[in-house]
Amino acid sequence: MNTERLSKILVGPVVSEKSTRAADLNRQYVFKVLRDASKPEVRKAVEKMFDVKVTSVQLLNVKGKVKRFGQTMGRRSDWKKAYITLAEGSDIDFAGAE
């Protein structure tokens, strides 16, 4: 896997009540990833970007919601979510100012 692809795998963190609870209780972090990303790619991308040890990766496809845009019905895009479990002692700090 090339480093250019690994740098594009993680689209961004998912910040919600559920993801915050998972981080506090289970050392799990939630990321939005590319639709065609695989578990080994996500693992290597997180380990490379945040310099942590990943224990497990769980991927799931999120279906886009059907929404109304004015008079017409539309549909939001599908996307993929990754639950990353970190090893004991590892931590990701999103608010780390340098």
Protein backbone atom coordinates (compact mmCIF):
# COMPACT_ATOMS: atom_id res chain seq x y z
CA MET A 1 0.00 0.00 0.00
CA ASN A 2 1.42 3.35 -0.98
CA THR A 3 1.61 6.26 1.45
CA GLU A 4 -0.48 8.55 -0.76
CA ARG A 5 -3.45 6.16 -0.56
CA LEU A 6 -3.01 5.73 3.21
CA SER A 7 -3.13 9.49 3.73
CA LYS A 8 -6.52 9.66 1.93
CA ILE A 9 -8.20 6.69 3.67
CA LEU A 10 -9.34 8.61 6.76
CA VAL A 11 -11.87 11.27 5.76
CA GLY A 12 -12.40 12.57 9.29
CA PRO A 13 -13.45 11.75 12.84
CA VAL A 14 -17.11 11.17 13.70
CA VAL A 15 -18.00 13.28 16.74
CA SER A 16 -21.25 12.25 18.38
CA GLU A 17 -22.53 11.18 21.78
CA LYS A 18 -22.14 7.52 20.82
CA SER A 19 -18.56 7.93 19.57
CA THR A 20 -17.59 9.91 22.68
CA ARG A 21 -19.02 7.20 24.93
CA ALA A 22 -17.14 4.51 22.96
CA ALA A 23 -13.90 6.45 23.35
CA ASP A 24 -14.37 6.86 27.10
CA LEU A 25 -15.42 3.29 27.88
CA ASN A 26 -13.62 1.09 25.32
CA ARG A 27 -10.73 3.14 23.85
CA GLN A 28 -12.62 3.07 20.53
CA TYR A 29 -12.44 5.93 18.05
CA VAL A 30 -14.82 6.42 15.14
CA PHE A 31 -13.73 7.67 11.72
CA LYS A 32 -15.43 8.31 8.40
CA VAL A 33 -13.36 6.43 5.79
CA LEU A 34 -13.37 5.94 2.03
CA ARG A 35 -16.11 3.65 0.69
CA ASP A 36 -13.57 1.20 -0.79
CA ALA A 37 -11.25 1.08 2.25
CA SER A 38 -10.38 -2.30 3.76
CA LYS A 39 -9.57 -3.19 7.36
CA PRO A 40 -5.79 -3.56 6.80
CA GLU A 41 -5.68 -0.20 5.01
CA VAL A 42 -7.59 1.56 7.81
CA ARG A 43 -5.33 -0.05 10.45
CA LYS A 44 -2.14 1.10 8.70
CA ALA A 45 -3.53 4.60 8.06
CA VAL A 46 -4.44 5.14 11.74
CA GLU A 47 -1.13 3.72 12.99
CA LYS A 48 0.80 5.93 10.57
CA MET A 49 -1.12 9.17 11.17
CA PHE A 50 -1.46 9.04 14.97
CA ASP A 51 1.53 6.82 15.91
CA VAL A 52 -0.60 4.41 17.99
CA LYS A 53 -1.07 0.63 18.17
CA VAL A 54 -4.42 -0.57 16.78
CA THR A 55 -5.95 -3.70 18.32
CA SER A 56 -8.97 -4.12 16.04
CA VAL A 57 -10.90 -2.47 13.22
CA GLN A 58 -14.64 -2.80 12.61
CA LEU A 59 -16.13 -1.38 9.41
CA LEU A 60 -19.75 -0.70 8.62
CA ASN A 61 -21.61 0.86 5.72
CA VAL A 62 -23.96 3.71 6.60
CA LYS A 63 -26.90 4.11 4.26
CA GLY A 64 -27.74 7.66 3.18
CA LYS A 65 -31.00 9.12 4.43
CA VAL A 66 -33.89 10.02 2.15
CA LYS A 67 -34.51 13.74 2.58
CA ARG A 68 -36.77 16.35 1.07
CA PHE A 69 -35.08 19.21 -0.78
CA GLY A 70 -37.86 21.71 -1.37
CA GLN A 71 -40.56 19.89 -3.33
CA THR A 72 -38.30 17.13 -4.61
CA MET A 73 -37.18 14.06 -2.70
CA GLY A 74 -33.46 13.40 -2.60
CA ARG A 75 -31.06 10.97 -1.03
CA ARG A 76 -27.83 11.61 0.84
CA SER A 77 -24.74 9.63 -0.14
CA ASP A 78 -23.85 6.32 1.51
CA TRP A 79 -20.62 6.31 3.52
CA LYS A 80 -18.40 3.96 5.51
CA LYS A 81 -17.65 4.18 9.23
CA ALA A 82 -14.71 2.58 11.05
CA TYR A 83 -14.55 1.74 14.75
CA ILE A 84 -10.88 1.63 15.78
CA THR A 85 -9.92 -0.05 19.08
CA LEU A 86 -6.55 1.02 20.43
CA ALA A 87 -4.11 -0.97 22.54
CA GLU A 88 -3.78 -0.30 26.27
CA GLY A 89 -1.90 2.93 26.85
CA SER A 90 -2.53 4.34 23.36
CA ASP A 91 -4.61 7.47 22.92
CA ILE A 92 -5.61 9.83 20.11
CA ASP A 93 -5.84 13.52 21.01
CA PHE A 94 -7.86 15.43 18.41
CA ALA A 95 -7.56 18.74 20.27
CA GLY A 96 -3.78 18.58 20.57
CA ALA A 97 -2.51 22.07 19.69
CA GLU A 98 1.06 22.27 18.55
